[in-house]
């Protein structure tokens, strides 16, 4: 299990009952569960989270102006 892009994973045990924890680099925030546990069926409790840039959550207004050289 790879850590998310722009993030880290702690925990290297992947057997039943194991827990891994995810965190993001500075300037990014976690989108998803920070802790996953390996269930008795061998599947993880959720999907690996994403690390999204803080700017993804800000509404940005871009203003373009046209300058005429007439």
C-alpha atoms as a PDB file:
ATOM      1  CA  UNK A   1       0.000   0.000   0.000  1.00  0.00           C
ATOM      2  CA  UNK A   2       1.568   3.237  -1.161  1.00  0.00           C
ATOM      3  CA  UNK A   3       1.133   6.551   0.667  1.00  0.00           C
ATOM      4  CA  UNK A   4      -0.920   9.205  -1.101  1.00  0.00           C
ATOM      5  CA  UNK A   5       0.869  11.635  -3.391  1.00  0.00           C
ATOM      6  CA  UNK A   6       2.083  14.574  -1.255  1.00  0.00           C
ATOM      7  CA  UNK A   7       1.611  12.516   1.889  1.00  0.00           C
ATOM      8  CA  UNK A   8       3.020   9.872   4.219  1.00  0.00           C
ATOM      9  CA  UNK A   9       1.988   6.522   5.632  1.00  0.00           C
ATOM     10  CA  UNK A  10       2.984   5.202   9.044  1.00  0.00           C
ATOM     11  CA  UNK A  11       2.699   1.517   9.796  1.00  0.00           C
ATOM     12  CA  UNK A  12       4.316  -1.311   7.878  1.00  0.00           C
ATOM     13  CA  UNK A  13       2.236  -4.239   9.112  1.00  0.00           C
ATOM     14  CA  UNK A  14      -0.409  -5.369   6.650  1.00  0.00           C
ATOM     15  CA  UNK A  15      -1.928  -8.427   8.349  1.00  0.00           C
ATOM     16  CA  UNK A  16      -5.440  -8.789   9.746  1.00  0.00           C
ATOM     17  CA  UNK A  17      -6.030  -6.246  12.493  1.00  0.00           C
ATOM     18  CA  UNK A  18      -3.118  -4.037  11.392  1.00  0.00           C
ATOM     19  CA  UNK A  19      -3.619  -0.274  11.281  1.00  0.00           C
ATOM     20  CA  UNK A  20      -1.906   2.268   9.031  1.00  0.00           C
ATOM     21  CA  UNK A  21      -2.140   6.034   9.444  1.00  0.00           C
ATOM     22  CA  UNK A  22      -1.893   8.670   6.733  1.00  0.00           C
ATOM     23  CA  UNK A  23      -0.923  12.330   6.863  1.00  0.00           C
ATOM     24  CA  UNK A  24      -0.260  15.025   4.288  1.00  0.00           C
ATOM     25  CA  UNK A  25       2.675  17.288   3.583  1.00  0.00           C
ATOM     26  CA  UNK A  26       2.435  20.949   4.557  1.00  0.00           C
ATOM     27  CA  UNK A  27       0.036  22.840   2.302  1.00  0.00           C
ATOM     28  CA  UNK A  28      -2.153  19.770   1.709  1.00  0.00           C
ATOM     29  CA  UNK A  29      -5.119  18.356   3.569  1.00  0.00           C
ATOM     30  CA  UNK A  30      -6.364  14.807   3.873  1.00  0.00           C
ATOM     31  CA  UNK A  31      -9.474  13.847   1.914  1.00  0.00           C
ATOM     32  CA  UNK A  32     -10.615  10.551   3.405  1.00  0.00           C
ATOM     33  CA  UNK A  33      -9.960   8.497   6.513  1.00  0.00           C
ATOM     34  CA  UNK A  34      -6.624   9.054   8.255  1.00  0.00           C
ATOM     35  CA  UNK A  35      -6.566   5.517   9.734  1.00  0.00           C
ATOM     36  CA  UNK A  36      -7.253   2.273   7.899  1.00  0.00           C
ATOM     37  CA  UNK A  37      -7.516  -1.161   9.480  1.00  0.00           C
ATOM     38  CA  UNK A  38      -7.095  -4.528   7.795  1.00  0.00           C
ATOM     39  CA  UNK A  39     -10.370  -6.382   8.409  1.00  0.00           C
ATOM     40  CA  UNK A  40     -10.784 -10.103   9.090  1.00  0.00           C
ATOM     41  CA  UNK A  41     -11.642 -10.650   5.399  1.00  0.00           C
ATOM     42  CA  UNK A  42      -8.227  -9.231   4.416  1.00  0.00           C
ATOM     43  CA  UNK A  43      -9.683  -6.018   2.959  1.00  0.00           C
ATOM     44  CA  UNK A  44      -8.871  -2.539   4.233  1.00  0.00           C
ATOM     45  CA  UNK A  45     -11.577  -0.583   6.066  1.00  0.00           C
ATOM     46  CA  UNK A  46     -11.576   2.177   3.421  1.00  0.00           C
ATOM     47  CA  UNK A  47      -9.749   3.468   0.353  1.00  0.00           C
ATOM     48  CA  UNK A  48      -6.343   5.160   0.670  1.00  0.00           C
ATOM     49  CA  UNK A  49      -7.072   8.876   1.217  1.00  0.00           C
ATOM     50  CA  UNK A  50      -5.909  11.673  -1.063  1.00  0.00           C
ATOM     51  CA  UNK A  51      -3.842  14.721  -0.159  1.00  0.00           C
ATOM     52  CA  UNK A  52      -5.401  17.747  -1.797  1.00  0.00           C
ATOM     53  CA  UNK A  53      -3.721  21.120  -2.107  1.00  0.00           C
ATOM     54  CA  UNK A  54      -5.267  23.786   0.078  1.00  0.00           C
ATOM     55  CA  UNK A  55      -5.937  25.894  -3.050  1.00  0.00           C
ATOM     56  CA  UNK A  56      -8.349  23.188  -4.276  1.00  0.00           C
ATOM     57  CA  UNK A  57     -10.750  24.371  -1.571  1.00  0.00           C
ATOM     58  CA  UNK A  58     -10.564  28.081  -2.302  1.00  0.00           C
ATOM     59  CA  UNK A  59     -12.803  29.711  -4.877  1.00  0.00           C
ATOM     60  CA  UNK A  60     -10.526  31.666  -7.144  1.00  0.00           C
ATOM     61  CA  UNK A  61     -11.825  34.491  -9.297  1.00  0.00           C
ATOM     62  CA  UNK A  62      -9.666  35.380 -12.234  1.00  0.00           C
ATOM     63  CA  UNK A  63     -10.194  38.691 -13.980  1.00  0.00           C
ATOM     64  CA  UNK A  64      -8.952  39.211 -17.468  1.00  0.00           C
ATOM     65  CA  UNK A  65      -8.862  42.612 -19.101  1.00  0.00           C
ATOM     66  CA  UNK A  66      -8.380  43.337 -22.737  1.00  0.00           C
ATOM     67  CA  UNK A  67      -6.291  46.342 -23.573  1.00  0.00           C
ATOM     68  CA  UNK A  68      -6.775  47.783 -27.017  1.00  0.00           C
ATOM     69  CA  UNK A  69      -3.946  49.581 -28.794  1.00  0.00           C
ATOM     70  CA  UNK A  70      -6.134  51.491 -31.223  1.00  0.00           C
END
